[in-house]
Protein backbone atom coordinates (compact mmCIF):
# COMPACT_ATOMS: atom_id res chain seq x y z
CA MET A 1 203.78 41.91 38.95
CA SER A 2 200.79 41.94 36.48
CA GLU A 3 198.09 39.71 36.17
CA ILE A 4 198.93 38.49 32.90
CA ALA A 5 202.34 37.25 34.48
CA ALA A 6 200.87 36.01 37.68
CA SER A 7 198.29 34.23 35.64
CA SER A 8 201.25 32.22 33.37
CA VAL A 9 203.49 31.94 36.70
CA SER A 10 200.62 30.27 37.98
CA THR A 11 199.88 27.86 35.38
CA LEU A 12 203.60 26.37 35.37
CA ARG A 13 203.83 25.20 39.02
CA PHE A 14 204.01 22.53 39.41
CA LYS A 15 201.94 20.14 40.91
CA PRO A 16 202.92 16.43 41.16
CA SER A 17 200.20 14.28 40.91
CA PHE A 18 199.28 10.85 42.18
CA PHE A 19 199.98 9.67 38.67
CA PHE A 20 203.30 11.38 38.39
CA TRP A 21 204.27 9.47 41.66
CA MET A 22 203.24 6.11 40.30
CA THR A 23 205.51 6.47 37.08
CA LEU A 24 208.44 7.64 39.71
CA ALA A 25 208.01 4.05 41.19
CA MET A 26 207.95 2.59 37.93
CA CYS A 27 210.76 4.27 36.88
CA PHE A 28 212.82 3.13 40.55
CA PHE A 29 211.91 -0.49 39.58
CA VAL A 30 213.32 -0.43 35.96
CA PHE A 31 215.78 1.44 36.34
CA GLY A 32 216.81 0.12 39.82
CA GLY A 33 216.99 -3.46 38.17
CA PHE A 34 218.87 -3.17 35.28
CA GLY A 35 220.76 -0.47 37.01
CA MET A 36 222.11 -3.45 38.91
CA THR A 37 222.39 -5.75 35.98
CA TYR A 38 222.82 -3.97 33.16
CA LEU A 39 223.75 -0.18 33.29
CA PHE A 40 226.46 -0.24 35.86
CA PRO A 41 227.85 -3.79 34.37
CA LEU A 42 228.12 -1.53 30.86
CA THR A 43 229.55 1.06 32.21
CA GLN A 44 232.35 -0.80 34.30
CA GLY A 45 232.88 -2.89 31.17
CA SER A 46 231.79 -6.36 32.75
CA PHE A 47 228.98 -6.77 30.51
CA PRO A 48 229.39 -9.32 28.40
CA PRO A 49 228.98 -9.72 24.73
CA ALA A 50 225.09 -9.62 23.30
CA PRO A 51 223.38 -9.18 20.50
CA PRO A 52 222.26 -5.68 19.20
CA ILE A 53 218.77 -6.13 19.63
CA VAL A 54 219.29 -5.56 23.44
CA HIS A 55 221.38 -2.60 23.67
CA LEU A 56 218.62 -1.14 20.69
CA HIS A 57 215.67 -2.03 23.46
CA ALA A 58 217.17 -1.01 26.78
CA LEU A 59 217.69 2.69 24.70
CA ILE A 60 213.96 2.64 23.70
CA PHE A 61 212.59 1.24 26.41
CA PHE A 62 214.78 3.17 28.98
CA SER A 63 213.50 6.55 26.98
CA TRP A 64 210.09 5.21 27.37
CA MET A 65 210.28 5.76 31.04
CA ILE A 66 211.65 8.97 31.28
CA LEU A 67 208.84 9.84 28.33
CA LEU A 68 206.15 8.69 31.03
CA VAL A 69 207.56 11.00 33.79
CA VAL A 70 207.94 13.95 31.49
CA GLN A 71 204.19 12.84 29.91
CA ALA A 72 203.09 12.99 34.01
CA GLY A 73 205.12 16.37 34.63
CA LEU A 74 203.70 17.95 31.85
CA VAL A 75 200.01 17.40 32.98
CA GLY A 76 201.47 18.38 36.65
CA THR A 77 202.14 22.28 35.13
CA GLY A 78 199.21 22.69 33.19
CA ASN A 79 201.21 21.76 29.69
CA VAL A 80 198.39 19.90 28.32
CA LYS A 81 198.81 20.83 24.87
CA LEU A 82 202.53 19.81 24.73
CA HIS A 83 201.49 16.38 26.43
CA ARG A 84 198.92 15.61 23.70
CA SER A 85 201.66 16.83 20.99
CA LEU A 86 203.97 14.32 22.70
CA GLY A 87 201.32 12.06 23.14
CA THR A 88 201.58 11.50 19.27
CA TYR A 89 204.60 10.37 19.38
CA GLY A 90 204.38 8.26 22.14
CA ILE A 91 202.14 5.86 19.92
CA ALA A 92 205.11 5.05 17.59
CA HIS A 93 207.44 4.90 20.60
CA ALA A 94 205.19 2.35 22.15
CA THR A 95 205.04 0.79 19.15
CA ALA A 96 208.71 -0.08 18.62
CA VAL A 97 208.78 -0.70 22.91
CA LEU A 98 206.65 -3.66 21.85
CA TYR A 99 208.10 -4.79 19.15
CA THR A 100 211.92 -4.73 20.19
CA GLY A 101 210.63 -6.43 23.61
CA ALA A 102 209.20 -9.73 22.05
CA LEU A 103 211.64 -9.84 19.48
CA LEU A 104 214.17 -9.70 22.46
CA GLN A 105 212.14 -12.27 24.80
CA LEU A 106 211.58 -14.50 21.91
CA ILE A 107 215.12 -14.64 20.96
CA GLY A 108 216.00 -15.11 24.70
CA SER A 109 213.67 -17.80 25.64
CA ALA A 110 215.27 -19.83 22.13
CA ARG A 111 218.38 -19.55 23.14
CA GLY A 112 217.38 -21.13 26.32
CA MET A 113 216.28 -23.88 24.63
CA ASN A 114 218.55 -24.36 22.64
CA ALA A 115 220.91 -24.70 25.17
CA GLY A 116 219.15 -27.15 27.10
CA ARG A 117 216.56 -25.39 29.41
CA SER A 118 213.00 -25.49 29.29
CA ALA A 119 210.83 -24.13 26.73
CA ALA A 120 208.16 -23.08 29.00
CA SER A 121 210.22 -20.94 30.99
CA ASP A 122 208.72 -18.22 33.77
CA GLY A 123 210.03 -15.50 31.12
CA LEU A 124 208.51 -16.48 28.41
CA PHE A 125 205.20 -17.02 29.98
CA LEU A 126 205.96 -12.86 31.26
CA GLY A 127 207.15 -11.73 27.95
CA ILE A 128 203.92 -13.52 26.20
CA LEU A 129 201.77 -11.97 28.25
CA ALA A 130 203.55 -8.61 28.54
CA VAL A 131 202.88 -8.03 24.69
CA ALA A 132 199.29 -8.76 24.81
CA GLY A 133 199.03 -6.84 28.20
CA PHE A 134 200.23 -4.27 26.75
CA ALA A 135 198.94 -4.15 23.41
CA ILE A 136 195.44 -4.26 24.65
CA MET A 137 195.49 -1.73 27.22
CA PHE A 138 197.50 0.55 25.83
CA THR A 139 195.01 0.38 22.80
CA LEU A 140 192.31 1.16 25.53
CA ALA A 141 194.52 4.15 26.67
CA ILE A 142 194.29 5.78 23.11
CA ARG A 143 191.04 5.03 22.30
CA ASN A 144 190.02 7.13 25.61
CA VAL A 145 192.32 10.05 25.20
CA ARG A 146 189.47 12.05 25.34
CA ARG A 147 188.20 10.55 28.56
CA PRO A 148 191.29 11.93 30.68
CA GLU A 149 190.50 9.68 34.14
CA ILE A 150 190.23 6.83 31.99
CA HIS A 151 193.54 7.66 29.65
CA LYS A 152 195.56 8.09 32.47
CA ARG A 153 195.07 5.15 34.55
CA MET A 154 195.09 2.62 31.39
CA ILE A 155 198.37 4.15 30.70
CA LEU A 156 199.68 2.97 34.09
CA PHE A 157 197.66 -0.56 33.55
CA ALA A 158 199.43 -1.30 30.39
CA MET A 159 203.05 -0.52 32.29
CA LEU A 160 202.47 -3.15 34.81
CA PRO A 161 202.75 -6.31 31.86
CA VAL A 162 205.86 -5.08 31.14
CA LEU A 163 207.69 -4.35 34.12
CA PRO A 164 208.59 -7.89 35.81
CA PRO A 165 211.93 -7.39 33.76
CA GLY A 166 212.92 -4.51 35.88
CA VAL A 167 211.01 -5.92 38.88
CA ASN A 168 212.51 -9.37 38.74
CA ARG A 169 216.13 -7.69 38.47
CA PHE A 170 215.45 -5.24 41.55
CA TRP A 171 214.36 -8.10 44.11
CA TYR A 172 216.83 -10.90 42.72
CA LYS A 173 219.72 -8.78 43.18
CA LEU A 174 218.74 -7.04 46.48
CA LEU A 175 217.30 -9.59 48.29
CA GLN A 176 220.35 -12.08 46.45
CA LEU A 177 218.11 -14.56 45.87
CA ASP A 178 218.33 -17.83 43.83
CA ASN A 179 215.72 -17.58 41.62
CA PRO A 180 216.40 -14.87 38.80
CA ILE A 181 212.53 -14.80 38.51
CA PRO A 182 211.42 -14.26 41.66
CA VAL A 183 207.48 -15.02 41.78
CA PHE A 184 206.16 -13.92 44.77
CA TRP A 185 208.47 -10.68 45.13
CA LEU A 186 207.01 -9.85 41.77
CA TYR A 187 203.39 -10.22 41.94
CA LEU A 188 203.79 -8.83 45.31
CA THR A 189 204.98 -5.18 43.69
CA LEU A 190 202.72 -5.26 40.68
CA TRP A 191 199.42 -6.33 42.53
CA SER A 192 200.55 -3.61 45.05
CA PHE A 193 200.59 -1.30 41.85
CA ALA A 194 197.38 -2.44 40.85
CA VAL A 195 195.60 -2.04 44.32
CA ALA A 196 196.93 1.44 44.34
CA LEU A 197 195.22 2.52 41.23
CA LEU A 198 192.09 1.10 42.14
CA VAL A 199 191.85 2.57 45.58
CA GLN A 200 193.01 6.23 44.15
CA GLU A 201 189.98 5.71 41.98
CA ARG A 202 187.95 5.05 43.86
CA ARG A 203 188.65 7.53 46.25
CA SER A 204 188.57 10.51 43.78
CA THR A 205 185.78 9.16 41.42
CA GLY A 206 183.41 7.43 44.18
CA LYS A 207 183.79 4.08 41.91
CA ASN A 208 185.79 2.28 39.68
CA SER A 209 185.49 1.99 36.22
CA VAL A 210 185.17 -1.18 33.55
CA TYR A 211 188.56 0.02 32.13
CA THR A 212 190.58 0.13 35.60
CA LEU A 213 189.06 -3.69 36.74
CA PHE A 214 189.83 -4.93 33.38
CA GLY A 215 193.63 -3.43 33.86
CA ALA A 216 193.76 -5.05 37.49
CA GLY A 217 191.76 -8.32 36.63
CA TRP A 218 194.47 -9.19 34.18
CA ILE A 219 197.17 -8.61 36.61
CA PHE A 220 195.45 -10.54 39.12
CA ILE A 221 194.67 -13.38 36.99
CA GLN A 222 198.03 -13.50 35.40
CA GLY A 223 199.77 -13.93 38.93
CA ALA A 224 196.44 -16.24 39.77
CA ILE A 225 197.37 -18.83 36.70
CA HIS A 226 201.01 -18.54 36.58
CA LYS A 227 202.59 -21.07 37.89
CA THR A 228 199.91 -23.28 36.54
CA VAL A 229 200.07 -22.36 33.14
CA VAL A 230 204.14 -22.74 33.32
CA GLY A 231 203.84 -26.14 34.44
CA SER A 232 201.25 -27.20 32.28
CA ALA A 233 202.19 -29.93 29.16
CA LEU A 234 200.08 -27.28 26.94
CA PHE A 235 202.03 -24.41 27.61
CA ASN A 236 205.52 -26.73 27.37
CA THR A 237 203.92 -27.92 23.59
CA PHE A 238 202.88 -24.04 22.55
CA ALA A 239 206.29 -23.02 23.82
CA THR A 240 208.64 -25.77 21.82
CA GLY A 241 206.52 -24.94 18.67
CA LEU A 242 206.56 -21.24 19.19
CA LEU A 243 210.35 -20.87 19.86
CA GLY A 244 211.30 -23.78 17.06
CA LEU A 245 210.09 -20.97 14.78
CA ILE A 246 213.08 -18.86 15.97
CA HIS A 247 216.52 -17.92 14.53
CA TYR A 248 218.28 -15.27 14.96
CA ARG A 249 222.48 -14.95 14.38
């Protein structure tokens, strides 16, 4: 084999990184949770009728998770050029994830309020923090695209606020819980991801950057204030006013 051919094989050799395994772990909860509550019932014909936005968001979000794995895999093979090209497309895809996710959360919460349930729900709290957290941290990731050590970590931190729907469904079904939003199991999972990112960065660089501390702080503080905020009169007033603006047929 020539030196050129050998070099080509070496370049394409796949070396799974910590970030590749992290994206797979996130996919495990997303596809596991929604597999039990959406994908399997859908294939069996037992999924109840739902607005088109439900299926549109599912398609966009599932394909987004696959894109994350592909992107991490491309870096693992050394194909940075294709990784960057797909990253440009990924900005548009992430925008679609954000928009459809926010729309679906507002529609679902408004329907729950109209059915007599409290406007100040765990789901609405998580939805609002998901939109804000994903938007802020994904923007930080894009602004640091030339700084790979920050960029790749902020992409994963951006995912933590939007993982709850899949994580909740996973633990709810697996443990046969009464509450469809098991807050303890949810934050145990999210905080474990955050700690893993912090520990890996410190081991590989000797310190934690301001960016990763911000990302971890976001998800730690979110969990710490969750029940206090949801149970407050202020959040109830805000939620009632916000959901009163939502009309969807």
